[in-house]
Amino acid sequence: MFASAWERRGVLDITLMRLELVAEFSAEAVDHGGVVRHALRFKRLRLDVTVDDVPGFGAGLAAAAG
């Protein structure tokens, strides 16, 4: 089960994925817990960064190199 952080009622569906590509997004605001408070914008695929270069969820907010 998975529940949202924004008090939505009910259980959310999840889709498990195999990570293969890294994409860069911009967000107007992210709180200290890593929750996005506003819409995201896709910027570009990061072909110079591998999935192994990116910290896992909850491992910190460090940006990928580049």
PDB file of N, CA and C in Angstrom:
ATOM      1  N   MET A   1       0.837  -1.194   0.000  1.00  0.00           N
ATOM      2  CA  MET A   1       0.000   0.000   0.000  1.00  0.00           C
ATOM      3  C   MET A   1       0.876   1.248   0.000  1.00  0.00           C
ATOM      4  N   PHE A   2       0.331   2.286  -0.551  1.00  0.00           N
ATOM      5  CA  PHE A   2       1.041   3.556  -0.619  1.00  0.00           C
ATOM      6  C   PHE A   2       0.027   4.661  -0.399  1.00  0.00           C
ATOM      7  N   ALA A   3       0.334   5.610   0.468  1.00  0.00           N
ATOM      8  CA  ALA A   3      -0.560   6.739   0.721  1.00  0.00           C
ATOM      9  C   ALA A   3       0.181   8.026   0.398  1.00  0.00           C
ATOM     10  N   SER A   4      -0.553   9.055   0.049  1.00  0.00           N
ATOM     11  CA  SER A   4       0.067  10.323  -0.316  1.00  0.00           C
ATOM     12  C   SER A   4       0.363  11.156   0.919  1.00  0.00           C
ATOM     13  N   ALA A   5       1.209  12.161   0.738  1.00  0.00           N
ATOM     14  CA  ALA A   5       1.558  13.067   1.825  1.00  0.00           C
ATOM     15  C   ALA A   5       0.602  14.248   1.901  1.00  0.00           C
ATOM     16  N   TRP A   6      -0.332  14.361   0.958  1.00  0.00           N
ATOM     17  CA  TRP A   6      -1.204  15.538   0.922  1.00  0.00           C
ATOM     18  C   TRP A   6      -2.634  15.211   1.328  1.00  0.00           C
ATOM     19  N   GLU A   7      -2.785  14.253   2.239  1.00  0.00           N
ATOM     20  CA  GLU A   7      -4.064  13.932   2.873  1.00  0.00           C
ATOM     21  C   GLU A   7      -5.137  13.466   1.910  1.00  0.00           C
ATOM     22  N   ARG A   8      -4.759  12.838   0.833  1.00  0.00           N
ATOM     23  CA  ARG A   8      -5.736  12.271  -0.089  1.00  0.00           C
ATOM     24  C   ARG A   8      -6.341  11.032   0.547  1.00  0.00           C
ATOM     25  N   ARG A   9      -7.591  10.844   0.369  1.00  0.00           N
ATOM     26  CA  ARG A   9      -8.276   9.681   0.936  1.00  0.00           C
ATOM     27  C   ARG A   9      -8.029   8.454   0.073  1.00  0.00           C
ATOM     28  N   GLY A  10      -7.891   7.320   0.696  1.00  0.00           N
ATOM     29  CA  GLY A  10      -7.764   6.079  -0.043  1.00  0.00           C
ATOM     30  C   GLY A  10      -6.326   5.712  -0.344  1.00  0.00           C
ATOM     31  N   VAL A  11      -6.182   4.570  -0.945  1.00  0.00           N
ATOM     32  CA  VAL A  11      -4.881   4.019  -1.292  1.00  0.00           C
ATOM     33  C   VAL A  11      -4.565   4.357  -2.746  1.00  0.00           C
ATOM     34  N   LEU A  12      -3.335   4.732  -3.000  1.00  0.00           N
ATOM     35  CA  LEU A  12      -2.903   5.060  -4.355  1.00  0.00           C
ATOM     36  C   LEU A  12      -2.346   3.817  -5.037  1.00  0.00           C
ATOM     37  N   ASP A  13      -2.540   3.718  -6.336  1.00  0.00           N
ATOM     38  CA  ASP A  13      -1.946   2.641  -7.115  1.00  0.00           C
ATOM     39  C   ASP A  13      -0.468   2.943  -7.331  1.00  0.00           C
ATOM     40  N   ILE A  14       0.340   1.907  -7.390  1.00  0.00           N
ATOM     41  CA  ILE A  14       1.754   2.092  -7.697  1.00  0.00           C
ATOM     42  C   ILE A  14       2.125   1.260  -8.917  1.00  0.00           C
ATOM     43  N   THR A  15       3.118   1.714  -9.638  1.00  0.00           N
ATOM     44  CA  THR A  15       3.656   0.977 -10.776  1.00  0.00           C
ATOM     45  C   THR A  15       5.156   0.832 -10.552  1.00  0.00           C
ATOM     46  N   LEU A  16       5.618  -0.399 -10.387  1.00  0.00           N
ATOM     47  CA  LEU A  16       7.045  -0.640 -10.205  1.00  0.00           C
ATOM     48  C   LEU A  16       7.743  -0.504 -11.550  1.00  0.00           C
ATOM     49  N   MET A  17       8.938   0.079 -11.529  1.00  0.00           N
ATOM     50  CA  MET A  17       9.649   0.357 -12.772  1.00  0.00           C
ATOM     51  C   MET A  17      11.095  -0.103 -12.664  1.00  0.00           C
ATOM     52  N   ARG A  18      11.681  -0.432 -13.785  1.00  0.00           N
ATOM     53  CA  ARG A  18      13.112  -0.729 -13.859  1.00  0.00           C
ATOM     54  C   ARG A  18      13.797   0.562 -14.326  1.00  0.00           C
ATOM     55  N   LEU A  19      14.664   1.086 -13.492  1.00  0.00           N
ATOM     56  CA  LEU A  19      15.301   2.363 -13.795  1.00  0.00           C
ATOM     57  C   LEU A  19      16.410   2.177 -14.821  1.00  0.00           C
ATOM     58  N   GLU A  20      16.337   2.946 -15.909  1.00  0.00           N
ATOM     59  CA  GLU A  20      17.327   2.845 -16.977  1.00  0.00           C
ATOM     60  C   GLU A  20      17.873   4.195 -17.410  1.00  0.00           C
ATOM     61  N   LEU A  21      17.073   5.243 -17.313  1.00  0.00           N
ATOM     62  CA  LEU A  21      17.481   6.573 -17.754  1.00  0.00           C
ATOM     63  C   LEU A  21      17.370   7.559 -16.602  1.00  0.00           C
ATOM     64  N   VAL A  22      18.151   8.628 -16.678  1.00  0.00           N
ATOM     65  CA  VAL A  22      18.090   9.706 -15.698  1.00  0.00           C
ATOM     66  C   VAL A  22      17.550  10.937 -16.410  1.00  0.00           C
ATOM     67  N   ALA A  23      16.553  11.571 -15.815  1.00  0.00           N
ATOM     68  CA  ALA A  23      15.983  12.796 -16.373  1.00  0.00           C
ATOM     69  C   ALA A  23      16.149  13.922 -15.361  1.00  0.00           C
ATOM     70  N   GLU A  24      16.298  15.128 -15.856  1.00  0.00           N
ATOM     71  CA  GLU A  24      16.414  16.308 -15.005  1.00  0.00           C
ATOM     72  C   GLU A  24      15.080  17.042 -15.013  1.00  0.00           C
ATOM     73  N   PHE A  25      14.613  17.411 -13.824  1.00  0.00           N
ATOM     74  CA  PHE A  25      13.367  18.147 -13.660  1.00  0.00           C
ATOM     75  C   PHE A  25      13.640  19.393 -12.849  1.00  0.00           C
ATOM     76  N   SER A  26      12.793  20.396 -13.005  1.00  0.00           N
ATOM     77  CA  SER A  26      12.865  21.561 -12.132  1.00  0.00           C
ATOM     78  C   SER A  26      11.566  21.628 -11.343  1.00  0.00           C
ATOM     79  N   ALA A  27      11.687  22.105 -10.116  1.00  0.00           N
ATOM     80  CA  ALA A  27      10.519  22.246  -9.247  1.00  0.00           C
ATOM     81  C   ALA A  27      10.559  23.630  -8.621  1.00  0.00           C
ATOM     82  N   GLU A  28       9.405  24.238  -8.469  1.00  0.00           N
ATOM     83  CA  GLU A  28       9.351  25.562  -7.864  1.00  0.00           C
ATOM     84  C   GLU A  28       9.653  25.509  -6.377  1.00  0.00           C
ATOM     85  N   ALA A  29       9.204  24.455  -5.718  1.00  0.00           N
ATOM     86  CA  ALA A  29       9.429  24.357  -4.279  1.00  0.00           C
ATOM     87  C   ALA A  29       9.431  22.898  -3.839  1.00  0.00           C
ATOM     88  N   VAL A  30      10.441  22.563  -3.056  1.00  0.00           N
ATOM     89  CA  VAL A  30      10.533  21.239  -2.451  1.00  0.00           C
ATOM     90  C   VAL A  30      10.788  21.480  -0.971  1.00  0.00           C
ATOM     91  N   ASP A  31       9.993  20.842  -0.095  1.00  0.00           N
ATOM     92  CA  ASP A  31      10.210  21.072   1.332  1.00  0.00           C
ATOM     93  C   ASP A  31      11.406  20.259   1.822  1.00  0.00           C
ATOM     94  N   HIS A  32      11.762  20.439   3.073  1.00  0.00           N
ATOM     95  CA  HIS A  32      12.957  19.794   3.619  1.00  0.00           C
ATOM     96  C   HIS A  32      12.861  18.274   3.639  1.00  0.00           C
ATOM     97  N   GLY A  33      11.664  17.716   3.504  1.00  0.00           N
ATOM     98  CA  GLY A  33      11.496  16.273   3.459  1.00  0.00           C
ATOM     99  C   GLY A  33      11.555  15.709   2.054  1.00  0.00           C
ATOM    100  N   GLY A  34      11.736  16.575   1.043  1.00  0.00           N
ATOM    101  CA  GLY A  34      11.831  16.117  -0.336  1.00  0.00           C
ATOM    102  C   GLY A  34      10.502  16.039  -1.058  1.00  0.00           C
ATOM    103  N   VAL A  35       9.428  16.520  -0.415  1.00  0.00           N
ATOM    104  CA  VAL A  35       8.103  16.483  -1.040  1.00  0.00           C
ATOM    105  C   VAL A  35       7.954  17.677  -1.979  1.00  0.00           C
ATOM    106  N   VAL A  36       7.585  17.411  -3.228  1.00  0.00           N
ATOM    107  CA  VAL A  36       7.389  18.477  -4.211  1.00  0.00           C
ATOM    108  C   VAL A  36       6.064  19.170  -3.929  1.00  0.00           C
ATOM    109  N   ARG A  37       6.091  20.478  -3.773  1.00  0.00           N
ATOM    110  CA  ARG A  37       4.893  21.250  -3.444  1.00  0.00           C
ATOM    111  C   ARG A  37       4.238  21.889  -4.657  1.00  0.00           C
ATOM    112  N   HIS A  38       4.922  21.945  -5.768  1.00  0.00           N
ATOM    113  CA  HIS A  38       4.376  22.551  -6.978  1.00  0.00           C
ATOM    114  C   HIS A  38       4.736  21.682  -8.177  1.00  0.00           C
ATOM    115  N   ALA A  39       4.174  22.024  -9.297  1.00  0.00           N
ATOM    116  CA  ALA A  39       4.365  21.209 -10.505  1.00  0.00           C
ATOM    117  C   ALA A  39       5.838  21.087 -10.890  1.00  0.00           C
ATOM    118  N   LEU A  40       6.169  19.945 -11.467  1.00  0.00           N
ATOM    119  CA  LEU A  40       7.510  19.699 -11.996  1.00  0.00           C
ATOM    120  C   LEU A  40       7.532  19.990 -13.483  1.00  0.00           C
ATOM    121  N   ARG A  41       8.703  20.361 -13.982  1.00  0.00           N
ATOM    122  CA  ARG A  41       8.906  20.539 -15.420  1.00  0.00           C
ATOM    123  C   ARG A  41      10.069  19.669 -15.860  1.00  0.00           C
ATOM    124  N   PHE A  42       9.825  18.899 -16.921  1.00  0.00           N
ATOM    125  CA  PHE A  42      10.892  18.103 -17.509  1.00  0.00           C
ATOM    126  C   PHE A  42      11.864  19.043 -18.198  1.00  0.00           C
ATOM    127  N   LYS A  43      13.157  18.894 -17.915  1.00  0.00           N
ATOM    128  CA  LYS A  43      14.165  19.730 -18.565  1.00  0.00           C
ATOM    129  C   LYS A  43      14.902  18.977 -19.667  1.00  0.00           C
ATOM    130  N   ARG A  44      15.453  17.790 -19.332  1.00  0.00           N
ATOM    131  CA  ARG A  44      16.211  17.036 -20.332  1.00  0.00           C
ATOM    132  C   ARG A  44      16.555  15.655 -19.799  1.00  0.00           C
ATOM    133  N   LEU A  45      16.894  14.764 -20.710  1.00  0.00           N
ATOM    134  CA  LEU A  45      17.480  13.490 -20.316  1.00  0.00           C
ATOM    135  C   LEU A  45      18.939  13.739 -19.985  1.00  0.00           C
ATOM    136  N   ARG A  46      19.445  13.076 -18.962  1.00  0.00           N
ATOM    137  CA  ARG A  46      20.843  13.213 -18.566  1.00  0.00           C
ATOM    138  C   ARG A  46      21.612  11.987 -19.035  1.00  0.00           C
ATOM    139  N   LEU A  47      22.002  11.981 -20.297  1.00  0.00           N
ATOM    140  CA  LEU A  47      22.723  10.850 -20.865  1.00  0.00           C
ATOM    141  C   LEU A  47      24.148  10.748 -20.327  1.00  0.00           C
ATOM    142  N   ASP A  48      24.613  11.818 -19.643  1.00  0.00           N
ATOM    143  CA  ASP A  48      25.944  11.826 -19.040  1.00  0.00           C
ATOM    144  C   ASP A  48      25.951  11.264 -17.619  1.00  0.00           C
ATOM    145  N   VAL A  49      24.788  10.870 -17.105  1.00  0.00           N
ATOM    146  CA  VAL A  49      24.645  10.367 -15.738  1.00  0.00           C
ATOM    147  C   VAL A  49      23.965   9.007 -15.796  1.00  0.00           C
ATOM    148  N   THR A  50      24.484   8.050 -15.031  1.00  0.00           N
ATOM    149  CA  THR A  50      23.845   6.736 -14.975  1.00  0.00           C
ATOM    150  C   THR A  50      22.935   6.659 -13.760  1.00  0.00           C
ATOM    151  N   VAL A  51      22.074   5.676 -13.749  1.00  0.00           N
ATOM    152  CA  VAL A  51      21.172   5.464 -12.617  1.00  0.00           C
ATOM    153  C   VAL A  51      21.974   5.253 -11.334  1.00  0.00           C
ATOM    154  N   ASP A  52      23.113   4.603 -11.418  1.00  0.00           N
ATOM    155  CA  ASP A  52      23.950   4.355 -10.239  1.00  0.00           C
ATOM    156  C   ASP A  52      24.582   5.627  -9.682  1.00  0.00           C
ATOM    157  N   ASP A  53      24.645   6.704 -10.466  1.00  0.00           N
ATOM    158  CA  ASP A  53      25.206   7.978 -10.013  1.00  0.00           C
ATOM    159  C   ASP A  53      24.227   8.786  -9.163  1.00  0.00           C
ATOM    160  N   VAL A  54      22.959   8.432  -9.201  1.00  0.00           N
ATOM    161  CA  VAL A  54      21.909   9.215  -8.545  1.00  0.00           C
ATOM    162  C   VAL A  54      21.590   8.600  -7.187  1.00  0.00           C
ATOM    163  N   PRO A  55      21.541   9.421  -6.112  1.00  0.00           N
ATOM    164  CA  PRO A  55      21.195   8.876  -4.801  1.00  0.00           C
ATOM    165  C   PRO A  55      19.782   8.297  -4.806  1.00  0.00           C
ATOM    166  N   GLY A  56      19.575   7.236  -4.073  1.00  0.00           N
ATOM    167  CA  GLY A  56      18.251   6.633  -3.962  1.00  0.00           C
ATOM    168  C   GLY A  56      17.294   7.518  -3.184  1.00  0.00           C
ATOM    169  N   PHE A  57      16.009   7.233  -3.287  1.00  0.00           N
ATOM    170  CA  PHE A  57      14.994   8.008  -2.573  1.00  0.00           C
ATOM    171  C   PHE A  57      15.298   7.987  -1.081  1.00  0.00           C
ATOM    172  N   GLY A  58      15.295   9.157  -0.466  1.00  0.00           N
ATOM    173  CA  GLY A  58      15.568   9.271   0.952  1.00  0.00           C
ATOM    174  C   GLY A  58      17.046   9.326   1.300  1.00  0.00           C
ATOM    175  N   ALA A  59      17.915   9.248   0.298  1.00  0.00           N
ATOM    176  CA  ALA A  59      19.356   9.249   0.553  1.00  0.00           C
ATOM    177  C   ALA A  59      19.945  10.655   0.536  1.00  0.00           C
ATOM    178  N   GLY A  60      19.113  11.663   0.389  1.00  0.00           N
ATOM    179  CA  GLY A  60      19.607  13.028   0.376  1.00  0.00           C
ATOM    180  C   GLY A  60      19.160  13.771  -0.862  1.00  0.00           C
ATOM    181  N   LEU A  61      19.391  15.069  -0.851  1.00  0.00           N
ATOM    182  CA  LEU A  61      18.944  15.922  -1.949  1.00  0.00           C
ATOM    183  C   LEU A  61      20.097  16.381  -2.824  1.00  0.00           C
ATOM    184  N   ALA A  62      21.224  15.699  -2.786  1.00  0.00           N
ATOM    185  CA  ALA A  62      22.383  16.102  -3.581  1.00  0.00           C
ATOM    186  C   ALA A  62      22.071  16.010  -5.068  1.00  0.00           C
ATOM    187  N   ALA A  63      22.454  17.023  -5.802  1.00  0.00           N
ATOM    188  CA  ALA A  63      22.239  17.018  -7.254  1.00  0.00           C
ATOM    189  C   ALA A  63      23.244  16.093  -7.918  1.00  0.00           C
ATOM    190  N   ALA A  64      22.852  15.522  -9.038  1.00  0.00           N
ATOM    191  CA  ALA A  64      23.765  14.680  -9.813  1.00  0.00           C
ATOM    192  C   ALA A  64      24.855  15.551 -10.413  1.00  0.00           C
ATOM    193  N   ALA A  65      26.007  14.977 -10.635  1.00  0.00           N
ATOM    194  CA  ALA A  65      27.128  15.724 -11.216  1.00  0.00           C
ATOM    195  C   ALA A  65      26.783  16.203 -12.616  1.00  0.00           C
ATOM    196  N   GLY A  66      27.313  17.340 -12.994  1.00  0.00           N
ATOM    197  CA  GLY A  66      27.106  17.824 -14.356  1.00  0.00           C
ATOM    198  C   GLY A  66      26.528  19.113 -14.377  1.00  0.00           C
TER     199      GLY A  66
END
